[in-house]
Amino acid sequence: MNLPSSISQVKNSALRPASVRVNRQLAAPPERVFDAWLDGEAARSFLFGGRGGDAMTQIDARLGGGFRMVRRRDGEQVEYSGEYLEIERPYRLVFSLSVEKYAQRDDRVIVEIAPLAQHSLLVLTHEMSLSSPTERSRIQGEWAVTLDALVALCAAVGAREAALRSVQPWNRARAGSGADP
């Protein structure tokens, strides 16, 4: 289920001039969703909409720690960097975001995750310095693709875990019968 995304102006002048918000429901518990943001391999697999396989990723997953990701886009290297401002596992992650190529400096991304039955609801808010509606729309689209890739990653991990659980009782029963593997 995809909830509607919206672009909204932030009224508080202490915040960035504009923000983008994207929501998704994921078939995974909040812990798995949260941890994917701080694990280099998982992050590389979804952060660029599933197209980050060749991205270089460095993550120092602690409060005050940072990240640096470099990927090729349109024949150029694009660097994304930031600092973790809040880490409240498994419900809230806040980080700064800078992308020099797009003149994005001092942006802030807020990832909020809530449990929803056996699933999670993720709300991502990107507060930015870019006031252009065209740039906000581009960024909203990129986050939508990124979160769709996270949905797919969580579904794939969940399917693997379910398959393993279905095999484990068979292996235990077989081990108890003295049969050879």
C-alpha atoms as a PDB file:
ATOM      1  CA  MET A   1       0.000   0.000   0.000  1.00  0.00           C
ATOM      2  CA  ASN A   2       1.431   3.359  -0.984  1.00  0.00           C
ATOM      3  CA  LEU A   3       0.143   6.337   0.910  1.00  0.00           C
ATOM      4  CA  PRO A   4      -0.032   9.668  -0.897  1.00  0.00           C
ATOM      5  CA  SER A   5       3.092  11.772  -1.076  1.00  0.00           C
ATOM      6  CA  SER A   6       2.971  15.520  -0.789  1.00  0.00           C
ATOM      7  CA  ILE A   7       5.116  18.574  -1.248  1.00  0.00           C
ATOM      8  CA  SER A   8       4.514  21.202   1.378  1.00  0.00           C
ATOM      9  CA  GLN A   9       5.915  24.545   2.382  1.00  0.00           C
ATOM     10  CA  VAL A  10       7.320  24.695   5.895  1.00  0.00           C
ATOM     11  CA  LYS A  11       5.827  27.664   7.720  1.00  0.00           C
ATOM     12  CA  ASN A  12       8.377  27.865  10.548  1.00  0.00           C
ATOM     13  CA  SER A  13      11.243  30.078   9.333  1.00  0.00           C
ATOM     14  CA  ALA A  14      13.651  28.286  11.697  1.00  0.00           C
ATOM     15  CA  LEU A  15      13.277  25.244   9.453  1.00  0.00           C
ATOM     16  CA  ARG A  16      14.280  24.923   5.824  1.00  0.00           C
ATOM     17  CA  PRO A  17      12.181  26.904   3.325  1.00  0.00           C
ATOM     18  CA  ALA A  18      10.549  23.817   1.835  1.00  0.00           C
ATOM     19  CA  SER A  19      10.018  20.153   2.490  1.00  0.00           C
ATOM     20  CA  VAL A  20       9.098  16.981   0.694  1.00  0.00           C
ATOM     21  CA  ARG A  21       7.253  14.125   2.371  1.00  0.00           C
ATOM     22  CA  VAL A  22       6.959  10.538   1.121  1.00  0.00           C
ATOM     23  CA  ASN A  23       5.205   7.643   2.908  1.00  0.00           C
ATOM     24  CA  ARG A  24       5.318   3.882   2.430  1.00  0.00           C
ATOM     25  CA  GLN A  25       4.000   0.811   4.202  1.00  0.00           C
ATOM     26  CA  LEU A  26       6.600  -1.972   4.400  1.00  0.00           C
ATOM     27  CA  ALA A  27       6.138  -5.695   5.040  1.00  0.00           C
ATOM     28  CA  ALA A  28       8.768  -5.756   7.778  1.00  0.00           C
ATOM     29  CA  PRO A  29       9.063  -4.895  11.467  1.00  0.00           C
ATOM     30  CA  PRO A  30      10.395  -1.421  12.361  1.00  0.00           C
ATOM     31  CA  GLU A  31      13.748  -2.857  13.493  1.00  0.00           C
ATOM     32  CA  ARG A  32      14.494  -4.338  10.051  1.00  0.00           C
ATOM     33  CA  VAL A  33      13.413  -1.159   8.251  1.00  0.00           C
ATOM     34  CA  PHE A  34      15.456   1.061  10.575  1.00  0.00           C
ATOM     35  CA  ASP A  35      18.581  -1.102  10.403  1.00  0.00           C
ATOM     36  CA  ALA A  36      18.574  -1.032   6.591  1.00  0.00           C
ATOM     37  CA  TRP A  37      19.310   2.716   6.728  1.00  0.00           C
ATOM     38  CA  LEU A  38      22.480   2.168   8.776  1.00  0.00           C
ATOM     39  CA  ASP A  39      23.857  -0.971   7.116  1.00  0.00           C
ATOM     40  CA  GLY A  40      26.210  -0.183   4.220  1.00  0.00           C
ATOM     41  CA  GLU A  41      25.256  -3.155   2.048  1.00  0.00           C
ATOM     42  CA  ALA A  42      21.509  -2.747   2.577  1.00  0.00           C
ATOM     43  CA  ALA A  43      21.692   1.037   2.098  1.00  0.00           C
ATOM     44  CA  ARG A  44      23.595   0.642  -1.167  1.00  0.00           C
ATOM     45  CA  SER A  45      20.909  -1.757  -2.411  1.00  0.00           C
ATOM     46  CA  PHE A  46      17.985   0.657  -1.940  1.00  0.00           C
ATOM     47  CA  LEU A  47      19.176   4.238  -1.472  1.00  0.00           C
ATOM     48  CA  PHE A  48      19.587   4.928  -5.152  1.00  0.00           C
ATOM     49  CA  GLY A  49      16.360   3.232  -6.142  1.00  0.00           C
ATOM     50  CA  GLY A  50      18.040  -0.135  -6.577  1.00  0.00           C
ATOM     51  CA  ARG A  51      20.599   1.402  -8.969  1.00  0.00           C
ATOM     52  CA  GLY A  52      23.383   1.873  -6.419  1.00  0.00           C
ATOM     53  CA  GLY A  53      25.193  -1.436  -6.867  1.00  0.00           C
ATOM     54  CA  ASP A  54      28.424   0.287  -7.844  1.00  0.00           C
ATOM     55  CA  ALA A  55      28.121   3.040  -5.219  1.00  0.00           C
ATOM     56  CA  MET A  56      30.866   3.458  -2.637  1.00  0.00           C
ATOM     57  CA  THR A  57      29.309   3.590   0.822  1.00  0.00           C
ATOM     58  CA  GLN A  58      30.870   4.546   4.163  1.00  0.00           C
ATOM     59  CA  ILE A  59      28.614   4.647   7.217  1.00  0.00           C
ATOM     60  CA  ASP A  60      29.594   5.496  10.804  1.00  0.00           C
ATOM     61  CA  ALA A  61      26.246   4.568  12.391  1.00  0.00           C
ATOM     62  CA  ARG A  62      26.359   6.480  15.661  1.00  0.00           C
ATOM     63  CA  LEU A  63      25.069   9.804  16.924  1.00  0.00           C
ATOM     64  CA  GLY A  64      27.429  12.432  15.508  1.00  0.00           C
ATOM     65  CA  GLY A  65      28.820   9.878  13.058  1.00  0.00           C
ATOM     66  CA  GLY A  66      28.493  10.429   9.371  1.00  0.00           C
ATOM     67  CA  PHE A  67      28.077   8.852   6.006  1.00  0.00           C
ATOM     68  CA  ARG A  68      29.534   9.341   2.568  1.00  0.00           C
ATOM     69  CA  MET A  69      28.198   7.740  -0.575  1.00  0.00           C
ATOM     70  CA  VAL A  70      29.543   8.226  -4.063  1.00  0.00           C
ATOM     71  CA  ARG A  71      27.832   6.909  -7.168  1.00  0.00           C
ATOM     72  CA  ARG A  72      28.034   7.431 -10.887  1.00  0.00           C
ATOM     73  CA  ARG A  73      25.106   9.299 -12.369  1.00  0.00           C
ATOM     74  CA  ASP A  74      24.922  10.413 -15.983  1.00  0.00           C
ATOM     75  CA  GLY A  75      28.643   9.712 -16.381  1.00  0.00           C
ATOM     76  CA  GLU A  76      29.639  11.820 -13.360  1.00  0.00           C
ATOM     77  CA  GLN A  77      30.476  10.969  -9.778  1.00  0.00           C
ATOM     78  CA  VAL A  78      27.961  12.404  -7.332  1.00  0.00           C
ATOM     79  CA  GLU A  79      28.797  12.538  -3.624  1.00  0.00           C
ATOM     80  CA  TYR A  80      26.177  12.431  -0.881  1.00  0.00           C
ATOM     81  CA  SER A  81      27.316  13.110   2.682  1.00  0.00           C
ATOM     82  CA  GLY A  82      25.863  13.943   6.051  1.00  0.00           C
ATOM     83  CA  GLU A  83      25.873  13.512   9.797  1.00  0.00           C
ATOM     84  CA  TYR A  84      23.542  11.505  12.021  1.00  0.00           C
ATOM     85  CA  LEU A  85      21.718  14.030  14.229  1.00  0.00           C
ATOM     86  CA  GLU A  86      19.261  11.661  15.964  1.00  0.00           C
ATOM     87  CA  ILE A  87      19.251   7.878  16.198  1.00  0.00           C
ATOM     88  CA  GLU A  88      16.295   6.447  18.115  1.00  0.00           C
ATOM     89  CA  ARG A  89      16.179   2.800  17.049  1.00  0.00           C
ATOM     90  CA  PRO A  90      13.832   1.608  15.665  1.00  0.00           C
ATOM     91  CA  TYR A  91      11.514   4.602  15.298  1.00  0.00           C
ATOM     92  CA  ARG A  92      13.402   7.738  14.266  1.00  0.00           C
ATOM     93  CA  LEU A  93      16.511   8.634  12.288  1.00  0.00           C
ATOM     94  CA  VAL A  94      17.500  12.213  11.473  1.00  0.00           C
ATOM     95  CA  PHE A  95      20.494  13.145   9.370  1.00  0.00           C
ATOM     96  CA  SER A  96      21.890  16.121   7.543  1.00  0.00           C
ATOM     97  CA  LEU A  97      22.343  15.755   3.799  1.00  0.00           C
ATOM     98  CA  SER A  98      24.659  17.559   1.434  1.00  0.00           C
ATOM     99  CA  VAL A  99      24.900  16.992  -2.309  1.00  0.00           C
ATOM    100  CA  GLU A 100      27.312  19.543  -3.772  1.00  0.00           C
ATOM    101  CA  LYS A 101      26.445  18.725  -7.407  1.00  0.00           C
ATOM    102  CA  TYR A 102      22.892  19.918  -6.846  1.00  0.00           C
ATOM    103  CA  ALA A 103      23.822  22.770  -4.481  1.00  0.00           C
ATOM    104  CA  GLN A 104      22.012  20.989  -1.669  1.00  0.00           C
ATOM    105  CA  ARG A 105      23.674  22.018   1.526  1.00  0.00           C
ATOM    106  CA  ASP A 106      22.410  21.755   5.064  1.00  0.00           C
ATOM    107  CA  ASP A 107      19.324  19.755   4.156  1.00  0.00           C
ATOM    108  CA  ARG A 108      17.808  17.547   6.822  1.00  0.00           C
ATOM    109  CA  VAL A 109      16.112  14.176   6.361  1.00  0.00           C
ATOM    110  CA  ILE A 110      13.777  12.752   9.005  1.00  0.00           C
ATOM    111  CA  VAL A 111      12.843   9.070   8.817  1.00  0.00           C
ATOM    112  CA  GLU A 112      10.015   8.059  11.154  1.00  0.00           C
ATOM    113  CA  ILE A 113       8.892   4.439  11.435  1.00  0.00           C
ATOM    114  CA  ALA A 114       5.799   3.173  13.229  1.00  0.00           C
ATOM    115  CA  PRO A 115       4.686  -0.419  13.792  1.00  0.00           C
ATOM    116  CA  LEU A 116       1.539  -1.353  11.904  1.00  0.00           C
ATOM    117  CA  ALA A 117       0.381  -4.937  12.636  1.00  0.00           C
ATOM    118  CA  GLN A 118       3.199  -7.110  11.169  1.00  0.00           C
ATOM    119  CA  HIS A 119       4.318  -4.210   8.994  1.00  0.00           C
ATOM    120  CA  SER A 120       5.795  -0.732   9.356  1.00  0.00           C
ATOM    121  CA  LEU A 121       4.706   2.687   8.227  1.00  0.00           C
ATOM    122  CA  LEU A 122       7.632   4.872   7.147  1.00  0.00           C
ATOM    123  CA  VAL A 123       7.277   8.637   6.771  1.00  0.00           C
ATOM    124  CA  LEU A 124      10.267  10.413   5.246  1.00  0.00           C
ATOM    125  CA  THR A 125      10.475  14.201   5.407  1.00  0.00           C
ATOM    126  CA  HIS A 126      13.255  16.000   3.538  1.00  0.00           C
ATOM    127  CA  GLU A 127      13.614  19.596   4.699  1.00  0.00           C
ATOM    128  CA  MET A 128      15.630  21.455   2.116  1.00  0.00           C
ATOM    129  CA  SER A 129      17.218  24.699   1.165  1.00  0.00           C
ATOM    130  CA  LEU A 130      16.007  24.473  -2.452  1.00  0.00           C
ATOM    131  CA  SER A 131      12.914  26.580  -2.948  1.00  0.00           C
ATOM    132  CA  SER A 132      12.339  25.722  -6.629  1.00  0.00           C
ATOM    133  CA  PRO A 133       9.152  23.671  -7.091  1.00  0.00           C
ATOM    134  CA  THR A 134      10.859  21.813  -9.947  1.00  0.00           C
ATOM    135  CA  GLU A 135      13.766  20.750  -7.710  1.00  0.00           C
ATOM    136  CA  ARG A 136      11.405  19.771  -4.893  1.00  0.00           C
ATOM    137  CA  SER A 137       9.404  17.661  -7.321  1.00  0.00           C
ATOM    138  CA  ARG A 138      12.599  15.985  -8.606  1.00  0.00           C
ATOM    139  CA  ILE A 139      13.702  15.189  -5.052  1.00  0.00           C
ATOM    140  CA  GLN A 140      10.266  13.870  -4.115  1.00  0.00           C
ATOM    141  CA  GLY A 141      10.369  11.564  -7.128  1.00  0.00           C
ATOM    142  CA  GLU A 142      13.828  10.299  -6.184  1.00  0.00           C
ATOM    143  CA  TRP A 143      12.737   9.552  -2.617  1.00  0.00           C
ATOM    144  CA  ALA A 144       9.639   7.748  -3.933  1.00  0.00           C
ATOM    145  CA  VAL A 145      11.838   5.496  -6.103  1.00  0.00           C
ATOM    146  CA  THR A 146      14.223   4.973  -3.171  1.00  0.00           C
ATOM    147  CA  LEU A 147      11.433   3.956  -0.794  1.00  0.00           C
ATOM    148  CA  ASP A 148       9.945   1.650  -3.430  1.00  0.00           C
ATOM    149  CA  ALA A 149      13.358  -0.075  -3.564  1.00  0.00           C
ATOM    150  CA  LEU A 150      13.322  -0.335   0.259  1.00  0.00           C
ATOM    151  CA  VAL A 151       9.845  -1.903   0.083  1.00  0.00           C
ATOM    152  CA  ALA A 152      11.203  -4.477  -2.400  1.00  0.00           C
ATOM    153  CA  LEU A 153      14.274  -5.155  -0.232  1.00  0.00           C
ATOM    154  CA  CYS A 154      12.134  -5.757   2.869  1.00  0.00           C
ATOM    155  CA  ALA A 155       9.787  -8.023   0.914  1.00  0.00           C
ATOM    156  CA  ALA A 156      12.725 -10.062  -0.418  1.00  0.00           C
ATOM    157  CA  VAL A 157      14.295 -10.430   3.033  1.00  0.00           C
ATOM    158  CA  GLY A 158      10.907 -11.381   4.495  1.00  0.00           C
ATOM    159  CA  ALA A 159      10.375 -14.023   1.802  1.00  0.00           C
ATOM    160  CA  ARG A 160      13.835 -15.517   2.468  1.00  0.00           C
ATOM    161  CA  GLU A 161      13.146 -15.644   6.209  1.00  0.00           C
ATOM    162  CA  ALA A 162       9.737 -17.275   5.642  1.00  0.00           C
ATOM    163  CA  ALA A 163      11.324 -19.907   3.390  1.00  0.00           C
ATOM    164  CA  LEU A 164      13.950 -20.655   6.036  1.00  0.00           C
ATOM    165  CA  ARG A 165      11.269 -20.976   8.740  1.00  0.00           C
ATOM    166  CA  SER A 166       9.304 -23.417   6.612  1.00  0.00           C
ATOM    167  CA  VAL A 167      12.396 -25.623   6.122  1.00  0.00           C
ATOM    168  CA  GLN A 168      13.530 -25.577   9.762  1.00  0.00           C
ATOM    169  CA  PRO A 169      10.696 -27.748  11.189  1.00  0.00           C
ATOM    170  CA  TRP A 170      11.357 -30.346   8.466  1.00  0.00           C
ATOM    171  CA  ASN A 171      15.085 -30.369   9.322  1.00  0.00           C
ATOM    172  CA  ARG A 172      14.344 -30.750  13.064  1.00  0.00           C
ATOM    173  CA  ALA A 173      11.930 -33.620  12.448  1.00  0.00           C
ATOM    174  CA  ARG A 174      14.403 -35.304  10.158  1.00  0.00           C
ATOM    175  CA  ALA A 175      17.282 -34.838  12.629  1.00  0.00           C
ATOM    176  CA  GLY A 176      15.160 -36.396  15.383  1.00  0.00           C
ATOM    177  CA  SER A 177      14.411 -39.462  13.254  1.00  0.00           C
ATOM    178  CA  GLY A 178      18.073 -40.356  12.828  1.00  0.00           C
ATOM    179  CA  ALA A 179      17.835 -40.068   9.021  1.00  0.00           C
ATOM    180  CA  ASP A 180      20.899 -39.005   7.099  1.00  0.00           C
ATOM    181  CA  PRO A 181      20.856 -35.456   5.762  1.00  0.00           C
END
